[in-house]
Amino acid sequence: MSILVNKDTRLLVQGITGHEGLFHTQQMLAYGTNVVAGVRPGKGGEWVLDGKVPVFDSCRAAVEVTGANASIIFVSAAFAPDAIYEAADAEIPFIVCITEGIPVQDMMRVRAYLDLKGVRLLGPNCPGVLTPGEAKVGIIPGDIAIRGNIGIVSRSGTLTYEVLYALKLAGLGATTCVGIGGDPIVGSDFIDVLQLFEDDEETQLIVMVGEIGGDAEERAADKREFAAACREFGADHFLRAYSLVGTRGDCDLMVRAISRARLSRARPGRGARPSSARSAVSPTRSTRRWTRPTSAASARWSPR
């Protein structure tokens, strides 16, 4: 299993005829992503990449013809908000916005509109999402990750690549890697993505990569809750590891911590091994929800 994107994703690229859009569309196709259409007003009826991808004048027309269920935006900051609105109005349920430099005031209006429409946005100013071996929607290099059971969610773009590659060198793989973006207003934050990983049966560990600025990390994970969970279940049985990575030097520490967590599951003399990694952490996982606190001081992760 994976989250957000997989082999069934039918991707639409907004801004496909531009330099960045065309280059990264080619990379996504080479990885195996099912890119079904592109959008560029005024260029409908054309084909790009040697006739592999048709171009439409609008998102609605592209969705009606191709059945696209995800969109990625390579549009300049001045026009990116309108591109997001257009994708949402075309009833595309998942949108990834790579664009950097969108004004905060514009994103406040975009976020409010998407919340009303029930559309999930990743970004802006993000590297996208990668499910190793299945689909790549964004600019994350596909050759730095292998398939595994570790979920990765990150605010930093560069550290996302560093973490993926460090895990690969250690023989550890990812279910899905999600870059949420480092802007003040983003479509999906840590809490949203962590809940998706919590509901994913295949994801057994999570790496959370922070970045300077804001309080997103504090709102997502309260250290007192984490320490209490470790004391309750014991270090050997606390199989879900939340690692905050802030610098490149932390990657080695992160890999060692994950390796210890994995080894503790198979080490003899440590008590009965649980029937599943989930059962050792929470026998009632279906009732666990990432709650969105009203303030940073009350931020916590707790079952309802």
C-alpha atoms as a PDB file:
ATOM      1  CA  MET A   1       0.000   0.000   0.000  1.00  0.00           C
ATOM      2  CA  SER A   2       0.969   3.660  -0.262  1.00  0.00           C
ATOM      3  CA  ILE A   3      -0.546   7.078   0.262  1.00  0.00           C
ATOM      4  CA  LEU A   4      -1.604   9.853  -2.126  1.00  0.00           C
ATOM      5  CA  VAL A   5      -0.176   8.375  -5.365  1.00  0.00           C
ATOM      6  CA  ASN A   6       0.267   4.886  -6.791  1.00  0.00           C
ATOM      7  CA  LYS A   7       0.214   2.979 -10.069  1.00  0.00           C
ATOM      8  CA  ASP A   8      -3.467   3.917 -10.552  1.00  0.00           C
ATOM      9  CA  THR A   9      -2.783   7.665 -10.474  1.00  0.00           C
ATOM     10  CA  ARG A  10      -3.771   9.410 -13.714  1.00  0.00           C
ATOM     11  CA  LEU A  11      -1.765  12.622 -13.760  1.00  0.00           C
ATOM     12  CA  LEU A  12      -2.497  15.937 -15.439  1.00  0.00           C
ATOM     13  CA  VAL A  13       0.338  18.492 -15.799  1.00  0.00           C
ATOM     14  CA  GLN A  14      -0.593  22.178 -15.717  1.00  0.00           C
ATOM     15  CA  GLY A  15       2.029  24.274 -17.481  1.00  0.00           C
ATOM     16  CA  ILE A  16       3.292  21.297 -19.447  1.00  0.00           C
ATOM     17  CA  THR A  17       4.647  23.320 -22.392  1.00  0.00           C
ATOM     18  CA  GLY A  18       7.005  25.412 -20.279  1.00  0.00           C
ATOM     19  CA  HIS A  19      10.649  24.485 -19.767  1.00  0.00           C
ATOM     20  CA  GLU A  20      10.242  23.112 -16.221  1.00  0.00           C
ATOM     21  CA  GLY A  21       6.918  21.461 -16.919  1.00  0.00           C
ATOM     22  CA  LEU A  22       8.179  19.690 -20.023  1.00  0.00           C
ATOM     23  CA  PHE A  23      11.420  18.504 -18.416  1.00  0.00           C
ATOM     24  CA  HIS A  24       9.815  17.097 -15.281  1.00  0.00           C
ATOM     25  CA  THR A  25       6.962  15.531 -17.242  1.00  0.00           C
ATOM     26  CA  GLN A  26       9.598  13.605 -19.175  1.00  0.00           C
ATOM     27  CA  GLN A  27      11.204  12.501 -15.902  1.00  0.00           C
ATOM     28  CA  MET A  28       7.874  11.395 -14.448  1.00  0.00           C
ATOM     29  CA  LEU A  29       7.043   9.413 -17.580  1.00  0.00           C
ATOM     30  CA  ALA A  30      10.456   7.742 -17.510  1.00  0.00           C
ATOM     31  CA  TYR A  31       9.807   6.682 -13.909  1.00  0.00           C
ATOM     32  CA  GLY A  32       6.549   5.045 -14.895  1.00  0.00           C
ATOM     33  CA  THR A  33       3.987   7.625 -13.792  1.00  0.00           C
ATOM     34  CA  ASN A  34       0.807   7.541 -15.847  1.00  0.00           C
ATOM     35  CA  VAL A  35       0.786  11.095 -17.270  1.00  0.00           C
ATOM     36  CA  VAL A  36      -2.450  11.284 -19.252  1.00  0.00           C
ATOM     37  CA  ALA A  37      -2.715  14.968 -20.179  1.00  0.00           C
ATOM     38  CA  GLY A  38      -1.272  18.451 -20.014  1.00  0.00           C
ATOM     39  CA  VAL A  39      -2.943  21.854 -19.853  1.00  0.00           C
ATOM     40  CA  ARG A  40      -1.835  25.109 -21.464  1.00  0.00           C
ATOM     41  CA  PRO A  41      -4.490  27.671 -22.444  1.00  0.00           C
ATOM     42  CA  GLY A  42      -4.280  28.445 -26.144  1.00  0.00           C
ATOM     43  CA  LYS A  43      -2.388  25.274 -27.057  1.00  0.00           C
ATOM     44  CA  GLY A  44      -5.205  22.757 -26.913  1.00  0.00           C
ATOM     45  CA  GLY A  45      -4.976  20.075 -29.588  1.00  0.00           C
ATOM     46  CA  GLU A  46      -1.182  19.885 -29.551  1.00  0.00           C
ATOM     47  CA  TRP A  47       0.890  16.913 -28.394  1.00  0.00           C
ATOM     48  CA  VAL A  48       4.205  16.953 -26.526  1.00  0.00           C
ATOM     49  CA  LEU A  49       7.062  14.522 -25.926  1.00  0.00           C
ATOM     50  CA  ASP A  50       6.839  12.871 -29.341  1.00  0.00           C
ATOM     51  CA  GLY A  51       3.084  12.502 -29.238  1.00  0.00           C
ATOM     52  CA  LYS A  52       2.928  10.824 -25.833  1.00  0.00           C
ATOM     53  CA  VAL A  53       0.883  13.459 -23.985  1.00  0.00           C
ATOM     54  CA  PRO A  54      -2.053  15.480 -25.365  1.00  0.00           C
ATOM     55  CA  VAL A  55      -2.435  19.157 -24.442  1.00  0.00           C
ATOM     56  CA  PHE A  56      -5.796  20.719 -23.551  1.00  0.00           C
ATOM     57  CA  ASP A  57      -6.958  24.300 -23.102  1.00  0.00           C
ATOM     58  CA  SER A  58      -8.519  23.677 -19.685  1.00  0.00           C
ATOM     59  CA  CYS A  59      -8.455  21.237 -16.792  1.00  0.00           C
ATOM     60  CA  ARG A  60     -12.134  20.473 -17.161  1.00  0.00           C
ATOM     61  CA  ALA A  61     -11.699  19.408 -20.779  1.00  0.00           C
ATOM     62  CA  ALA A  62      -8.683  17.276 -19.867  1.00  0.00           C
ATOM     63  CA  VAL A  63     -10.527  15.533 -17.035  1.00  0.00           C
ATOM     64  CA  GLU A  64     -13.575  14.821 -19.196  1.00  0.00           C
ATOM     65  CA  VAL A  65     -11.453  13.197 -21.911  1.00  0.00           C
ATOM     66  CA  THR A  66      -8.733  11.414 -19.908  1.00  0.00           C
ATOM     67  CA  GLY A  67     -10.226  10.822 -16.455  1.00  0.00           C
ATOM     68  CA  ALA A  68      -7.284  12.479 -14.690  1.00  0.00           C
ATOM     69  CA  ASN A  69      -7.490  12.175 -10.887  1.00  0.00           C
ATOM     70  CA  ALA A  70      -4.397  14.166  -9.901  1.00  0.00           C
ATOM     71  CA  SER A  71      -2.755  17.373 -11.069  1.00  0.00           C
ATOM     72  CA  ILE A  72       0.704  18.872 -10.746  1.00  0.00           C
ATOM     73  CA  ILE A  73       1.306  22.585 -11.311  1.00  0.00           C
ATOM     74  CA  PHE A  74       4.386  24.074 -13.002  1.00  0.00           C
ATOM     75  CA  VAL A  75       3.052  27.611 -13.369  1.00  0.00           C
ATOM     76  CA  SER A  76       4.673  30.903 -12.346  1.00  0.00           C
ATOM     77  CA  ALA A  77       3.715  32.397  -8.987  1.00  0.00           C
ATOM     78  CA  ALA A  78       1.557  35.119 -10.551  1.00  0.00           C
ATOM     79  CA  PHE A  79      -0.771  32.542 -12.138  1.00  0.00           C
ATOM     80  CA  ALA A  80      -0.406  29.530  -9.829  1.00  0.00           C
ATOM     81  CA  PRO A  81      -3.400  30.421  -7.593  1.00  0.00           C
ATOM     82  CA  ASP A  82      -5.675  30.525 -10.640  1.00  0.00           C
ATOM     83  CA  ALA A  83      -4.235  27.171 -11.766  1.00  0.00           C
ATOM     84  CA  ILE A  84      -5.130  25.684  -8.374  1.00  0.00           C
ATOM     85  CA  TYR A  85      -8.651  27.111  -8.569  1.00  0.00           C
ATOM     86  CA  GLU A  86      -9.086  25.681 -12.057  1.00  0.00           C
ATOM     87  CA  ALA A  87      -7.972  22.201 -11.001  1.00  0.00           C
ATOM     88  CA  ALA A  88     -10.300  22.276  -7.988  1.00  0.00           C
ATOM     89  CA  ASP A  89     -13.246  23.414 -10.117  1.00  0.00           C
ATOM     90  CA  ALA A  90     -12.537  20.494 -12.473  1.00  0.00           C
ATOM     91  CA  GLU A  91     -13.084  18.218  -9.438  1.00  0.00           C
ATOM     92  CA  ILE A  92      -9.538  16.885  -9.343  1.00  0.00           C
ATOM     93  CA  PRO A  93      -9.219  15.448  -5.808  1.00  0.00           C
ATOM     94  CA  PHE A  94      -5.440  15.765  -5.402  1.00  0.00           C
ATOM     95  CA  ILE A  95      -3.288  18.707  -6.501  1.00  0.00           C
ATOM     96  CA  VAL A  96       0.485  19.166  -6.176  1.00  0.00           C
ATOM     97  CA  CYS A  97       1.838  22.699  -6.562  1.00  0.00           C
ATOM     98  CA  ILE A  98       5.593  22.961  -7.150  1.00  0.00           C
ATOM     99  CA  THR A  99       5.553  26.751  -7.629  1.00  0.00           C
ATOM    100  CA  GLU A 100       7.645  28.865  -5.270  1.00  0.00           C
ATOM    101  CA  GLY A 101       6.943  32.455  -4.251  1.00  0.00           C
ATOM    102  CA  ILE A 102       3.130  32.546  -4.120  1.00  0.00           C
ATOM    103  CA  PRO A 103       2.089  35.448  -1.833  1.00  0.00           C
ATOM    104  CA  VAL A 104       0.771  34.396   1.581  1.00  0.00           C
ATOM    105  CA  GLN A 105      -2.420  36.409   1.129  1.00  0.00           C
ATOM    106  CA  ASP A 106      -3.183  34.537  -2.102  1.00  0.00           C
ATOM    107  CA  MET A 107      -2.589  31.186  -0.421  1.00  0.00           C
ATOM    108  CA  MET A 108      -4.916  32.088   2.448  1.00  0.00           C
ATOM    109  CA  ARG A 109      -7.749  32.480  -0.054  1.00  0.00           C
ATOM    110  CA  VAL A 110      -6.730  29.316  -1.948  1.00  0.00           C
ATOM    111  CA  ARG A 111      -6.613  27.219   1.226  1.00  0.00           C
ATOM    112  CA  ALA A 112     -10.039  28.434   2.342  1.00  0.00           C
ATOM    113  CA  TYR A 113     -11.523  27.615  -1.064  1.00  0.00           C
ATOM    114  CA  LEU A 114      -9.994  24.129  -1.194  1.00  0.00           C
ATOM    115  CA  ASP A 115     -11.271  23.345   2.295  1.00  0.00           C
ATOM    116  CA  LEU A 116     -14.794  24.157   1.086  1.00  0.00           C
ATOM    117  CA  LYS A 117     -14.330  22.000  -2.033  1.00  0.00           C
ATOM    118  CA  GLY A 118     -12.829  19.058  -0.148  1.00  0.00           C
ATOM    119  CA  VAL A 119      -9.737  18.999  -2.370  1.00  0.00           C
ATOM    120  CA  ARG A 120      -6.317  17.968  -1.033  1.00  0.00           C
ATOM    121  CA  LEU A 121      -3.394  20.232  -1.971  1.00  0.00           C
ATOM    122  CA  LEU A 122       0.286  19.425  -1.511  1.00  0.00           C
ATOM    123  CA  GLY A 123       2.493  22.513  -1.480  1.00  0.00           C
ATOM    124  CA  PRO A 124       3.116  25.098  -2.751  1.00  0.00           C
ATOM    125  CA  ASN A 125       6.917  25.309  -2.825  1.00  0.00           C
ATOM    126  CA  CYS A 126       7.265  21.555  -2.382  1.00  0.00           C
ATOM    127  CA  PRO A 127       9.138  18.728  -4.173  1.00  0.00           C
ATOM    128  CA  GLY A 128       6.012  16.622  -4.556  1.00  0.00           C
ATOM    129  CA  VAL A 129       5.406  12.998  -3.645  1.00  0.00           C
ATOM    130  CA  LEU A 130       7.151   9.738  -4.541  1.00  0.00           C
ATOM    131  CA  THR A 131       5.923   6.186  -4.094  1.00  0.00           C
ATOM    132  CA  PRO A 132       8.988   4.073  -4.985  1.00  0.00           C
ATOM    133  CA  GLY A 133       8.381   1.664  -7.821  1.00  0.00           C
ATOM    134  CA  GLU A 134       4.889   2.984  -8.551  1.00  0.00           C
ATOM    135  CA  ALA A 135       4.569   6.711  -9.215  1.00  0.00           C
ATOM    136  CA  LYS A 136       6.459   9.965  -9.000  1.00  0.00           C
ATOM    137  CA  VAL A 137       4.498  13.224  -8.927  1.00  0.00           C
ATOM    138  CA  GLY A 138       6.949  16.081  -8.565  1.00  0.00           C
ATOM    139  CA  ILE A 139      10.666  16.676  -8.779  1.00  0.00           C
ATOM    140  CA  ILE A 140      12.052  14.111  -6.301  1.00  0.00           C
ATOM    141  CA  PRO A 141      14.712  12.007  -8.085  1.00  0.00           C
ATOM    142  CA  GLY A 142      13.401   8.500  -8.503  1.00  0.00           C
ATOM    143  CA  ASP A 143      16.758   6.703  -8.274  1.00  0.00           C
ATOM    144  CA  ILE A 144      17.505   7.718  -4.667  1.00  0.00           C
ATOM    145  CA  ALA A 145      14.735   5.632  -3.085  1.00  0.00           C
ATOM    146  CA  ILE A 146      13.788   1.969  -2.829  1.00  0.00           C
ATOM    147  CA  ARG A 147      10.588   0.298  -1.734  1.00  0.00           C
ATOM    148  CA  GLY A 148      10.186  -0.375   1.984  1.00  0.00           C
ATOM    149  CA  ASN A 149       7.987   0.231   5.019  1.00  0.00           C
ATOM    150  CA  ILE A 150       9.114   3.708   6.141  1.00  0.00           C
ATOM    151  CA  GLY A 151       6.934   6.750   5.562  1.00  0.00           C
ATOM    152  CA  ILE A 152       8.708  10.090   5.044  1.00  0.00           C
ATOM    153  CA  VAL A 153       7.146  13.512   5.433  1.00  0.00           C
ATOM    154  CA  SER A 154       9.256  16.629   5.083  1.00  0.00           C
ATOM    155  CA  ARG A 155       9.133  20.412   4.993  1.00  0.00           C
ATOM    156  CA  SER A 156      12.632  20.670   3.525  1.00  0.00           C
ATOM    157  CA  GLY A 157      13.234  19.779  -0.107  1.00  0.00           C
ATOM    158  CA  THR A 158      16.989  19.145  -0.018  1.00  0.00           C
ATOM    159  CA  LEU A 159      16.853  17.160   3.227  1.00  0.00           C
ATOM    160  CA  THR A 160      14.122  15.007   1.706  1.00  0.00           C
ATOM    161  CA  TYR A 161      16.602  13.812  -0.901  1.00  0.00           C
ATOM    162  CA  GLU A 162      19.331  13.385   1.715  1.00  0.00           C
ATOM    163  CA  VAL A 163      17.106  11.236   3.925  1.00  0.00           C
ATOM    164  CA  LEU A 164      15.886   9.060   1.056  1.00  0.00           C
ATOM    165  CA  TYR A 165      19.420   8.401  -0.141  1.00  0.00           C
ATOM    166  CA  ALA A 166      20.722   7.689   3.376  1.00  0.00           C
ATOM    167  CA  LEU A 167      17.956   5.154   3.881  1.00  0.00           C
ATOM    168  CA  LYS A 168      18.691   3.543   0.523  1.00  0.00           C
ATOM    169  CA  LEU A 169      22.396   3.164   1.370  1.00  0.00           C
ATOM    170  CA  ALA A 170      21.384   1.445   4.597  1.00  0.00           C
ATOM    171  CA  GLY A 171      19.083  -0.927   2.721  1.00  0.00           C
ATOM    172  CA  LEU A 172      15.949   0.755   4.058  1.00  0.00           C
ATOM    173  CA  GLY A 173      13.080   1.741   1.797  1.00  0.00           C
ATOM    174  CA  ALA A 174      10.004   3.945   1.812  1.00  0.00           C
ATOM    175  CA  THR A 175       6.314   3.359   1.295  1.00  0.00           C
ATOM    176  CA  THR A 176       5.794   6.977   0.223  1.00  0.00           C
ATOM    177  CA  CYS A 177       7.855  10.158   0.537  1.00  0.00           C
ATOM    178  CA  VAL A 178       5.819  13.372   0.876  1.00  0.00           C
ATOM    179  CA  GLY A 179       7.234  16.895   0.667  1.00  0.00           C
ATOM    180  CA  ILE A 180       4.661  19.250   2.167  1.00  0.00           C
ATOM    181  CA  GLY A 181       6.539  22.499   1.424  1.00  0.00           C
ATOM    182  CA  GLY A 182       8.025  25.111   3.702  1.00  0.00           C
ATOM    183  CA  ASP A 183       5.742  28.093   3.031  1.00  0.00           C
ATOM    184  CA  PRO A 184       3.710  29.651   5.873  1.00  0.00           C
ATOM    185  CA  ILE A 185       0.425  28.496   4.280  1.00  0.00           C
ATOM    186  CA  VAL A 186       0.424  25.030   2.725  1.00  0.00           C
ATOM    187  CA  GLY A 187      -2.343  22.744   1.602  1.00  0.00           C
ATOM    188  CA  SER A 188      -1.368  19.747   3.760  1.00  0.00           C
ATOM    189  CA  ASP A 189       0.659  19.912   6.964  1.00  0.00           C
ATOM    190  CA  PHE A 190       2.403  17.295   9.114  1.00  0.00           C
ATOM    191  CA  ILE A 191      -0.808  16.367  10.928  1.00  0.00           C
ATOM    192  CA  ASP A 192      -2.643  15.629   7.676  1.00  0.00           C
ATOM    193  CA  VAL A 193       0.114  13.417   6.261  1.00  0.00           C
ATOM    194  CA  LEU A 194       0.866  11.618   9.528  1.00  0.00           C
ATOM    195  CA  GLN A 195      -2.776  10.584   9.732  1.00  0.00           C
ATOM    196  CA  LEU A 196      -2.545   9.105   6.237  1.00  0.00           C
ATOM    197  CA  PHE A 197       0.533   7.120   7.256  1.00  0.00           C
ATOM    198  CA  GLU A 198      -1.198   6.002  10.454  1.00  0.00           C
ATOM    199  CA  ASP A 199      -4.031   4.547   8.389  1.00  0.00           C
ATOM    200  CA  ASP A 200      -1.663   2.803   5.969  1.00  0.00           C
ATOM    201  CA  GLU A 201      -1.099  -0.847   6.875  1.00  0.00           C
ATOM    202  CA  GLU A 202       2.282  -1.072   5.171  1.00  0.00           C
ATOM    203  CA  THR A 203       3.912   1.940   6.849  1.00  0.00           C
ATOM    204  CA  GLN A 204       5.609   0.787  10.067  1.00  0.00           C
ATOM    205  CA  LEU A 205       7.942   3.692  10.804  1.00  0.00           C
ATOM    206  CA  ILE A 206       7.840   7.398  10.012  1.00  0.00           C
ATOM    207  CA  VAL A 207      10.618   9.938   9.481  1.00  0.00           C
ATOM    208  CA  MET A 208       9.508  13.527   9.963  1.00  0.00           C
ATOM    209  CA  VAL A 209      11.915  16.120   8.563  1.00  0.00           C
ATOM    210  CA  GLY A 210      11.623  19.577  10.062  1.00  0.00           C
ATOM    211  CA  GLU A 211      12.793  22.966   8.907  1.00  0.00           C
ATOM    212  CA  ILE A 212      13.633  26.286  10.518  1.00  0.00           C
ATOM    213  CA  GLY A 213      10.664  28.601  11.040  1.00  0.00           C
ATOM    214  CA  GLY A 214       7.107  28.144  12.242  1.00  0.00           C
ATOM    215  CA  ASP A 215       5.685  25.675  14.744  1.00  0.00           C
ATOM    216  CA  ALA A 216       4.487  22.881  12.443  1.00  0.00           C
ATOM    217  CA  GLU A 217       6.743  20.314  14.105  1.00  0.00           C
ATOM    218  CA  GLU A 218       5.631  21.265  17.600  1.00  0.00           C
ATOM    219  CA  ARG A 219       1.977  21.034  16.603  1.00  0.00           C
ATOM    220  CA  ALA A 220       2.493  17.608  15.060  1.00  0.00           C
ATOM    221  CA  ALA A 221       4.381  15.879  17.863  1.00  0.00           C
ATOM    222  CA  ASP A 222       4.499  16.622  21.571  1.00  0.00           C
ATOM    223  CA  LYS A 223       7.681  15.316  23.212  1.00  0.00           C
ATOM    224  CA  ARG A 224       5.879  14.449  26.436  1.00  0.00           C
ATOM    225  CA  GLU A 225       3.447  12.214  24.554  1.00  0.00           C
ATOM    226  CA  PHE A 226       6.311  10.503  22.733  1.00  0.00           C
ATOM    227  CA  ALA A 227       8.214   9.869  25.993  1.00  0.00           C
ATOM    228  CA  ALA A 228       5.081   8.531  27.694  1.00  0.00           C
ATOM    229  CA  ALA A 229       4.472   6.111  24.818  1.00  0.00           C
ATOM    230  CA  CYS A 230       8.076   4.856  25.031  1.00  0.00           C
ATOM    231  CA  ARG A 231       7.712   4.226  28.774  1.00  0.00           C
ATOM    232  CA  GLU A 232       4.389   2.466  28.289  1.00  0.00           C
ATOM    233  CA  PHE A 233       5.432   0.078  25.539  1.00  0.00           C
ATOM    234  CA  GLY A 234       9.169  -0.183  26.209  1.00  0.00           C
ATOM    235  CA  ALA A 235      11.985   0.736  23.846  1.00  0.00           C
ATOM    236  CA  ASP A 236      12.085  -2.742  22.315  1.00  0.00           C
ATOM    237  CA  HIS A 237       8.393  -2.778  21.514  1.00  0.00           C
ATOM    238  CA  PHE A 238       7.906   0.821  20.467  1.00  0.00           C
ATOM    239  CA  LEU A 239       8.173   0.102  16.772  1.00  0.00           C
ATOM    240  CA  ARG A 240       6.915   3.387  15.351  1.00  0.00           C
ATOM    241  CA  ALA A 241       9.808   5.836  15.369  1.00  0.00           C
ATOM    242  CA  TYR A 242       9.270   9.537  14.755  1.00  0.00           C
ATOM    243  CA  SER A 243      12.612  11.114  13.876  1.00  0.00           C
ATOM    244  CA  LEU A 244      13.097  14.842  13.532  1.00  0.00           C
ATOM    245  CA  VAL A 245      15.912  15.458  11.078  1.00  0.00           C
ATOM    246  CA  GLY A 246      17.288  18.982  11.026  1.00  0.00           C
ATOM    247  CA  THR A 247      20.733  18.718   9.439  1.00  0.00           C
ATOM    248  CA  ARG A 248      22.610  16.382   7.144  1.00  0.00           C
ATOM    249  CA  GLY A 249      24.639  15.122  10.085  1.00  0.00           C
ATOM    250  CA  ASP A 250      21.445  13.816  11.644  1.00  0.00           C
ATOM    251  CA  CYS A 251      20.879  11.326   8.820  1.00  0.00           C
ATOM    252  CA  ASP A 252      23.362   8.793  10.203  1.00  0.00           C
ATOM    253  CA  LEU A 253      21.766   9.057  13.645  1.00  0.00           C
ATOM    254  CA  MET A 254      18.357   8.582  12.059  1.00  0.00           C
ATOM    255  CA  VAL A 255      19.446   5.455  10.182  1.00  0.00           C
ATOM    256  CA  ARG A 256      20.960   3.954  13.349  1.00  0.00           C
ATOM    257  CA  ALA A 257      17.792   4.685  15.330  1.00  0.00           C
ATOM    258  CA  ILE A 258      15.603   3.038  12.685  1.00  0.00           C
ATOM    259  CA  SER A 259      17.932   0.034  12.484  1.00  0.00           C
ATOM    260  CA  ARG A 260      17.741  -0.407  16.272  1.00  0.00           C
ATOM    261  CA  ALA A 261      13.955  -0.262  16.148  1.00  0.00           C
ATOM    262  CA  ARG A 262      13.897  -2.918  13.413  1.00  0.00           C
ATOM    263  CA  LEU A 263      16.396  -5.153  15.220  1.00  0.00           C
ATOM    264  CA  SER A 264      14.426  -4.970  18.464  1.00  0.00           C
ATOM    265  CA  ARG A 265      11.573  -6.783  16.734  1.00  0.00           C
ATOM    266  CA  ALA A 266      13.707  -9.846  15.959  1.00  0.00           C
ATOM    267  CA  ARG A 267      16.021  -9.881  18.996  1.00  0.00           C
ATOM    268  CA  PRO A 268      15.526 -13.059  21.098  1.00  0.00           C
ATOM    269  CA  GLY A 269      14.758 -12.908  24.811  1.00  0.00           C
ATOM    270  CA  ARG A 270      12.807  -9.681  24.584  1.00  0.00           C
ATOM    271  CA  GLY A 271       9.346 -11.089  25.104  1.00  0.00           C
ATOM    272  CA  ALA A 272       6.809 -12.381  22.658  1.00  0.00           C
ATOM    273  CA  ARG A 273       6.971 -10.865  19.225  1.00  0.00           C
ATOM    274  CA  PRO A 274       3.677  -9.224  18.318  1.00  0.00           C
ATOM    275  CA  SER A 275       1.636 -10.650  15.480  1.00  0.00           C
ATOM    276  CA  SER A 276       1.989  -7.307  13.719  1.00  0.00           C
ATOM    277  CA  ALA A 277       4.022  -4.178  14.235  1.00  0.00           C
ATOM    278  CA  ARG A 278       0.841  -2.211  14.776  1.00  0.00           C
ATOM    279  CA  SER A 279      -0.443  -4.397  17.607  1.00  0.00           C
ATOM    280  CA  ALA A 280       2.529  -3.594  19.826  1.00  0.00           C
ATOM    281  CA  VAL A 281       1.834   0.094  19.569  1.00  0.00           C
ATOM    282  CA  SER A 282      -1.921   0.337  19.583  1.00  0.00           C
ATOM    283  CA  PRO A 283      -4.365  -2.577  19.703  1.00  0.00           C
ATOM    284  CA  THR A 284      -7.130  -0.127  18.828  1.00  0.00           C
ATOM    285  CA  ARG A 285      -5.438   1.670  15.933  1.00  0.00           C
ATOM    286  CA  SER A 286      -8.769   2.396  14.240  1.00  0.00           C
ATOM    287  CA  THR A 287      -9.632   4.849  17.040  1.00  0.00           C
ATOM    288  CA  ARG A 288      -6.338   6.711  16.886  1.00  0.00           C
ATOM    289  CA  ARG A 289      -6.483  10.078  15.190  1.00  0.00           C
ATOM    290  CA  TRP A 290      -4.075  12.926  14.755  1.00  0.00           C
ATOM    291  CA  THR A 291      -5.877  15.805  16.430  1.00  0.00           C
ATOM    292  CA  ARG A 292      -5.347  19.377  15.340  1.00  0.00           C
ATOM    293  CA  PRO A 293      -4.665  21.435  18.515  1.00  0.00           C
ATOM    294  CA  THR A 294      -5.973  24.923  19.125  1.00  0.00           C
ATOM    295  CA  SER A 295      -2.522  26.122  20.223  1.00  0.00           C
ATOM    296  CA  ALA A 296       1.091  24.972  20.139  1.00  0.00           C
ATOM    297  CA  ALA A 297       1.107  24.539  23.906  1.00  0.00           C
ATOM    298  CA  SER A 298      -1.681  21.959  23.684  1.00  0.00           C
ATOM    299  CA  ALA A 299      -0.278  20.112  20.666  1.00  0.00           C
ATOM    300  CA  ARG A 300      -0.358  16.378  21.117  1.00  0.00           C
ATOM    301  CA  TRP A 301      -0.996  13.100  19.399  1.00  0.00           C
ATOM    302  CA  SER A 302      -3.503  11.082  21.286  1.00  0.00           C
ATOM    303  CA  PRO A 303      -6.293   8.551  20.727  1.00  0.00           C
ATOM    304  CA  ARG A 304      -9.815   9.901  20.776  1.00  0.00           C
END
